[in-house]
C-alpha atoms as a PDB file:
ATOM      1  CA  UNK A   1    -114.084 -95.052  88.286  1.00  0.00           C
ATOM      2  CA  UNK A   2    -111.225 -94.772  86.383  1.00  0.00           C
ATOM      3  CA  UNK A   3    -109.925 -91.712  88.298  1.00  0.00           C
ATOM      4  CA  UNK A   4    -110.302 -93.605  91.357  1.00  0.00           C
ATOM      5  CA  UNK A   5    -108.495 -96.422  89.949  1.00  0.00           C
ATOM      6  CA  UNK A   6    -105.848 -94.031  88.757  1.00  0.00           C
ATOM      7  CA  UNK A   7    -105.176 -92.895  92.240  1.00  0.00           C
ATOM      8  CA  UNK A   8    -105.233 -96.096  93.738  1.00  0.00           C
ATOM      9  CA  UNK A   9    -102.180 -97.018  91.641  1.00  0.00           C
ATOM     10  CA  UNK A  10    -100.884 -93.484  92.427  1.00  0.00           C
ATOM     11  CA  UNK A  11    -101.280 -94.333  96.052  1.00  0.00           C
ATOM     12  CA  UNK A  12     -99.471 -97.859  95.879  1.00  0.00           C
ATOM     13  CA  UNK A  13     -96.507 -96.235  94.110  1.00  0.00           C
ATOM     14  CA  UNK A  14     -96.737 -93.508  97.117  1.00  0.00           C
ATOM     15  CA  UNK A  15     -96.636 -96.135  99.752  1.00  0.00           C
ATOM     16  CA  UNK A  16     -94.040 -98.009  98.079  1.00  0.00           C
ATOM     17  CA  UNK A  17     -91.782 -94.678  98.257  1.00  0.00           C
ATOM     18  CA  UNK A  18     -92.425 -93.869 101.579  1.00  0.00           C
ATOM     19  CA  UNK A  19     -92.028 -96.969 103.100  1.00  0.00           C
ATOM     20  CA  UNK A  20     -88.603 -97.497 101.088  1.00  0.00           C
ATOM     21  CA  UNK A  21     -87.624 -93.674 102.580  1.00  0.00           C
ATOM     22  CA  UNK A  22     -89.060 -94.766 106.301  1.00  0.00           C
ATOM     23  CA  UNK A  23     -87.353 -97.949 106.427  1.00  0.00           C
ATOM     24  CA  UNK A  24     -84.144 -96.986 104.810  1.00  0.00           C
ATOM     25  CA  UNK A  25     -80.850 -98.039 107.341  1.00  0.00           C
ATOM     26  CA  UNK A  26     -79.551 -94.329 107.464  1.00  0.00           C
ATOM     27  CA  UNK A  27     -83.015 -93.385 109.405  1.00  0.00           C
ATOM     28  CA  UNK A  28     -83.875 -94.800 112.950  1.00  0.00           C
ATOM     29  CA  UNK A  29     -86.582 -96.241 111.863  1.00  0.00           C
ATOM     30  CA  UNK A  30     -84.708 -98.520 109.309  1.00  0.00           C
ATOM     31  CA  UNK A  31     -82.291 -99.232 112.668  1.00  0.00           C
ATOM     32  CA  UNK A  32     -85.177-100.463 114.434  1.00  0.00           C
ATOM     33  CA  UNK A  33     -86.628-102.201 111.522  1.00  0.00           C
ATOM     34  CA  UNK A  34     -83.353-104.031 111.489  1.00  0.00           C
ATOM     35  CA  UNK A  35     -83.190-104.697 115.347  1.00  0.00           C
ATOM     36  CA  UNK A  36     -86.772-106.433 115.201  1.00  0.00           C
ATOM     37  CA  UNK A  37     -85.598-108.412 112.400  1.00  0.00           C
ATOM     38  CA  UNK A  38     -82.770-109.590 114.025  1.00  0.00           C
ATOM     39  CA  UNK A  39     -80.563-108.195 111.168  1.00  0.00           C
ATOM     40  CA  UNK A  40     -78.301-106.057 113.512  1.00  0.00           C
ATOM     41  CA  UNK A  41     -76.863-109.207 114.869  1.00  0.00           C
ATOM     42  CA  UNK A  42     -75.462-110.621 111.943  1.00  0.00           C
ATOM     43  CA  UNK A  43     -72.069-110.370 110.539  1.00  0.00           C
ATOM     44  CA  UNK A  44     -71.943-108.591 106.583  1.00  0.00           C
ATOM     45  CA  UNK A  45     -71.468-111.832 105.212  1.00  0.00           C
ATOM     46  CA  UNK A  46     -74.607-113.383 106.964  1.00  0.00           C
ATOM     47  CA  UNK A  47     -76.729-110.165 105.599  1.00  0.00           C
ATOM     48  CA  UNK A  48     -75.360-110.555 102.188  1.00  0.00           C
ATOM     49  CA  UNK A  49     -76.091-114.231 102.152  1.00  0.00           C
ATOM     50  CA  UNK A  50     -79.767-113.807 103.474  1.00  0.00           C
ATOM     51  CA  UNK A  51     -80.342-110.789 100.869  1.00  0.00           C
ATOM     52  CA  UNK A  52     -78.998-113.276  98.176  1.00  0.00           C
ATOM     53  CA  UNK A  53     -81.180-115.901  99.139  1.00  0.00           C
ATOM     54  CA  UNK A  54     -84.278-113.691  98.948  1.00  0.00           C
ATOM     55  CA  UNK A  55     -83.671-111.862  95.905  1.00  0.00           C
ATOM     56  CA  UNK A  56     -85.522-114.561  93.803  1.00  0.00           C
ATOM     57  CA  UNK A  57     -88.329-114.110  95.693  1.00  0.00           C
ATOM     58  CA  UNK A  58     -88.598-110.423  95.838  1.00  0.00           C
ATOM     59  CA  UNK A  59     -90.706-109.909  93.281  1.00  0.00           C
ATOM     60  CA  UNK A  60     -93.349-112.232  94.993  1.00  0.00           C
ATOM     61  CA  UNK A  61     -93.101-109.836  98.051  1.00  0.00           C
ATOM     62  CA  UNK A  62     -93.093-106.666  96.323  1.00  0.00           C
ATOM     63  CA  UNK A  63     -96.052-107.279  94.033  1.00  0.00           C
ATOM     64  CA  UNK A  64     -98.027-108.536  97.168  1.00  0.00           C
ATOM     65  CA  UNK A  65     -97.267-105.316  98.777  1.00  0.00           C
ATOM     66  CA  UNK A  66     -98.185-103.170  95.797  1.00  0.00           C
ATOM     67  CA  UNK A  67    -101.541-105.026  95.924  1.00  0.00           C
ATOM     68  CA  UNK A  68    -102.468-104.383  99.394  1.00  0.00           C
ATOM     69  CA  UNK A  69    -101.302-100.755  99.025  1.00  0.00           C
ATOM     70  CA  UNK A  70    -103.502-100.737  96.009  1.00  0.00           C
ATOM     71  CA  UNK A  71    -106.386-101.818  98.249  1.00  0.00           C
ATOM     72  CA  UNK A  72    -105.951 -99.227 101.048  1.00  0.00           C
ATOM     73  CA  UNK A  73    -105.300 -96.472  98.499  1.00  0.00           C
ATOM     74  CA  UNK A  74    -108.690 -97.510  96.686  1.00  0.00           C
ATOM     75  CA  UNK A  75    -110.565 -97.018  99.616  1.00  0.00           C
ATOM     76  CA  UNK A  76    -109.231 -93.498 100.360  1.00  0.00           C
ATOM     77  CA  UNK A  77    -109.921 -92.286  96.734  1.00  0.00           C
ATOM     78  CA  UNK A  78    -113.546 -93.943  97.043  1.00  0.00           C
ATOM     79  CA  UNK A  79    -114.138 -91.987 100.006  1.00  0.00           C
ATOM     80  CA  UNK A  80    -112.657 -88.763  98.815  1.00  0.00           C
ATOM     81  CA  UNK A  81    -114.380 -89.377  95.484  1.00  0.00           C
ATOM     82  CA  UNK A  82    -117.816 -90.292  97.262  1.00  0.00           C
ATOM     83  CA  UNK A  83    -117.452 -86.986  99.882  1.00  0.00           C
ATOM     84  CA  UNK A  84    -116.844 -84.404  97.044  1.00  0.00           C
ATOM     85  CA  UNK A  85    -119.624 -86.046  94.559  1.00  0.00           C
ATOM     86  CA  UNK A  86    -122.218 -85.884  97.461  1.00  0.00           C
ATOM     87  CA  UNK A  87    -121.144 -82.210  97.934  1.00  0.00           C
ATOM     88  CA  UNK A  88    -118.876 -82.544 100.871  1.00  0.00           C
ATOM     89  CA  UNK A  89    -116.002 -80.911 101.742  1.00  0.00           C
ATOM     90  CA  UNK A  90    -112.789 -82.523 100.256  1.00  0.00           C
ATOM     91  CA  UNK A  91    -111.007 -82.260 103.681  1.00  0.00           C
ATOM     92  CA  UNK A  92    -113.480 -84.136 105.286  1.00  0.00           C
ATOM     93  CA  UNK A  93    -110.830 -86.911 103.681  1.00  0.00           C
ATOM     94  CA  UNK A  94    -108.306 -86.336 105.959  1.00  0.00           C
ATOM     95  CA  UNK A  95    -110.824 -86.956 109.145  1.00  0.00           C
ATOM     96  CA  UNK A  96    -111.861 -90.177 107.470  1.00  0.00           C
ATOM     97  CA  UNK A  97    -108.361 -91.180 107.049  1.00  0.00           C
ATOM     98  CA  UNK A  98    -107.479 -90.258 110.645  1.00  0.00           C
ATOM     99  CA  UNK A  99    -110.330 -92.014 112.254  1.00  0.00           C
ATOM    100  CA  UNK A 100    -109.890 -94.835 109.916  1.00  0.00           C
ATOM    101  CA  UNK A 101    -106.184 -95.230 110.960  1.00  0.00           C
ATOM    102  CA  UNK A 102    -106.973 -94.602 114.464  1.00  0.00           C
ATOM    103  CA  UNK A 103    -109.655 -97.332 114.656  1.00  0.00           C
ATOM    104  CA  UNK A 104    -108.302-100.095 112.589  1.00  0.00           C
ATOM    105  CA  UNK A 105    -104.435 -99.293 111.736  1.00  0.00           C
ATOM    106  CA  UNK A 106    -103.356 -98.727 115.075  1.00  0.00           C
ATOM    107  CA  UNK A 107    -105.037-101.716 116.631  1.00  0.00           C
ATOM    108  CA  UNK A 108    -104.038-103.894 114.483  1.00  0.00           C
ATOM    109  CA  UNK A 109     -99.974-102.716 114.638  1.00  0.00           C
ATOM    110  CA  UNK A 110    -100.727-102.986 118.311  1.00  0.00           C
ATOM    111  CA  UNK A 111    -102.223-106.547 118.073  1.00  0.00           C
ATOM    112  CA  UNK A 112     -99.344-107.871 116.091  1.00  0.00           C
ATOM    113  CA  UNK A 113     -96.398-106.146 118.581  1.00  0.00           C
ATOM    114  CA  UNK A 114     -98.664-107.670 121.519  1.00  0.00           C
ATOM    115  CA  UNK A 115     -98.614-111.375 119.619  1.00  0.00           C
ATOM    116  CA  UNK A 116     -95.261-111.030 118.107  1.00  0.00           C
ATOM    117  CA  UNK A 117     -91.429-111.298 119.085  1.00  0.00           C
ATOM    118  CA  UNK A 118     -90.655-107.678 119.875  1.00  0.00           C
ATOM    119  CA  UNK A 119     -90.230-106.832 123.204  1.00  0.00           C
ATOM    120  CA  UNK A 120     -89.644-103.945 125.637  1.00  0.00           C
ATOM    121  CA  UNK A 121     -88.380-100.681 124.212  1.00  0.00           C
ATOM    122  CA  UNK A 122     -88.062-102.240 120.856  1.00  0.00           C
ATOM    123  CA  UNK A 123     -91.935-103.096 120.825  1.00  0.00           C
ATOM    124  CA  UNK A 124     -93.122 -99.405 121.646  1.00  0.00           C
ATOM    125  CA  UNK A 125     -90.387 -98.255 118.850  1.00  0.00           C
ATOM    126  CA  UNK A 126     -91.887-100.667 116.500  1.00  0.00           C
ATOM    127  CA  UNK A 127     -95.406 -99.446 117.390  1.00  0.00           C
ATOM    128  CA  UNK A 128     -95.093 -95.915 116.964  1.00  0.00           C
ATOM    129  CA  UNK A 129     -92.678 -96.278 114.136  1.00  0.00           C
ATOM    130  CA  UNK A 130     -95.150 -98.240 112.119  1.00  0.00           C
ATOM    131  CA  UNK A 131     -98.259 -96.566 113.239  1.00  0.00           C
ATOM    132  CA  UNK A 132     -96.843 -93.110 112.377  1.00  0.00           C
ATOM    133  CA  UNK A 133     -95.605 -94.380 108.893  1.00  0.00           C
ATOM    134  CA  UNK A 134     -99.044 -95.424 108.140  1.00  0.00           C
ATOM    135  CA  UNK A 135    -100.628 -92.275 109.060  1.00  0.00           C
ATOM    136  CA  UNK A 136     -98.222 -90.064 106.912  1.00  0.00           C
ATOM    137  CA  UNK A 137     -98.694 -92.693 103.881  1.00  0.00           C
ATOM    138  CA  UNK A 138    -102.444 -92.470 104.482  1.00  0.00           C
ATOM    139  CA  UNK A 139    -102.218 -88.619 104.333  1.00  0.00           C
ATOM    140  CA  UNK A 140    -100.056 -88.012 101.297  1.00  0.00           C
ATOM    141  CA  UNK A 141    -102.401 -90.458  99.603  1.00  0.00           C
ATOM    142  CA  UNK A 142    -105.390 -88.361 100.885  1.00  0.00           C
ATOM    143  CA  UNK A 143    -103.668 -85.234  99.401  1.00  0.00           C
ATOM    144  CA  UNK A 144    -103.004 -86.452  95.951  1.00  0.00           C
ATOM    145  CA  UNK A 145    -106.585 -88.259  96.058  1.00  0.00           C
ATOM    146  CA  UNK A 146    -108.026 -84.497  96.711  1.00  0.00           C
ATOM    147  CA  UNK A 147    -105.806 -83.032  94.452  1.00  0.00           C
ATOM    148  CA  UNK A 148    -106.487 -85.177  91.328  1.00  0.00           C
ATOM    149  CA  UNK A 149    -110.230 -85.699  92.295  1.00  0.00           C
ATOM    150  CA  UNK A 150    -111.211 -82.194  93.131  1.00  0.00           C
END
C-alpha cells in the first residue's frame, strides 16, 4: 500500500508539471485556455490586477488540484498493482487507462463544454486540448506506476 501511495503522490506532481507545461502562455493550448477564460480581451493592467487578487487564494486552488490529481493517480497505481500482483501483464495498465479516459474523462469534459460558456471553434479546441492533456497525463502516470511497481 505504501508503494501505491508513493506513486499517487508522484502522479499528482506529474499532473502539476504536465498541466503547467501544457497550458503555458507560449503553447497553443495556453492561448486557447486564455481565450475561454476571457483573458485575451484584458489589458496587461487588468491581467496583473486579477493575478494580484488571486494570489492569496492560489494555495487553496493548487492544494485542491493536487488532491484531485492524487485520487486519479491513486486509482492508476492501484489498478497497476492489482494487475501485476494477479499475474496480469503490466502493459494492460495502458489499456485500462485508455478505456477509463475514453469512458469517463472524455464525456465529462464534453459535458462541461456543452453546458459551459465556450462556443464554436473555441469549444472544440478546448475539448481536444483538455481531453488530450488528460490522456497524456494519465499515460505518463501509468508509465511511472509500471516502472515503480513492476
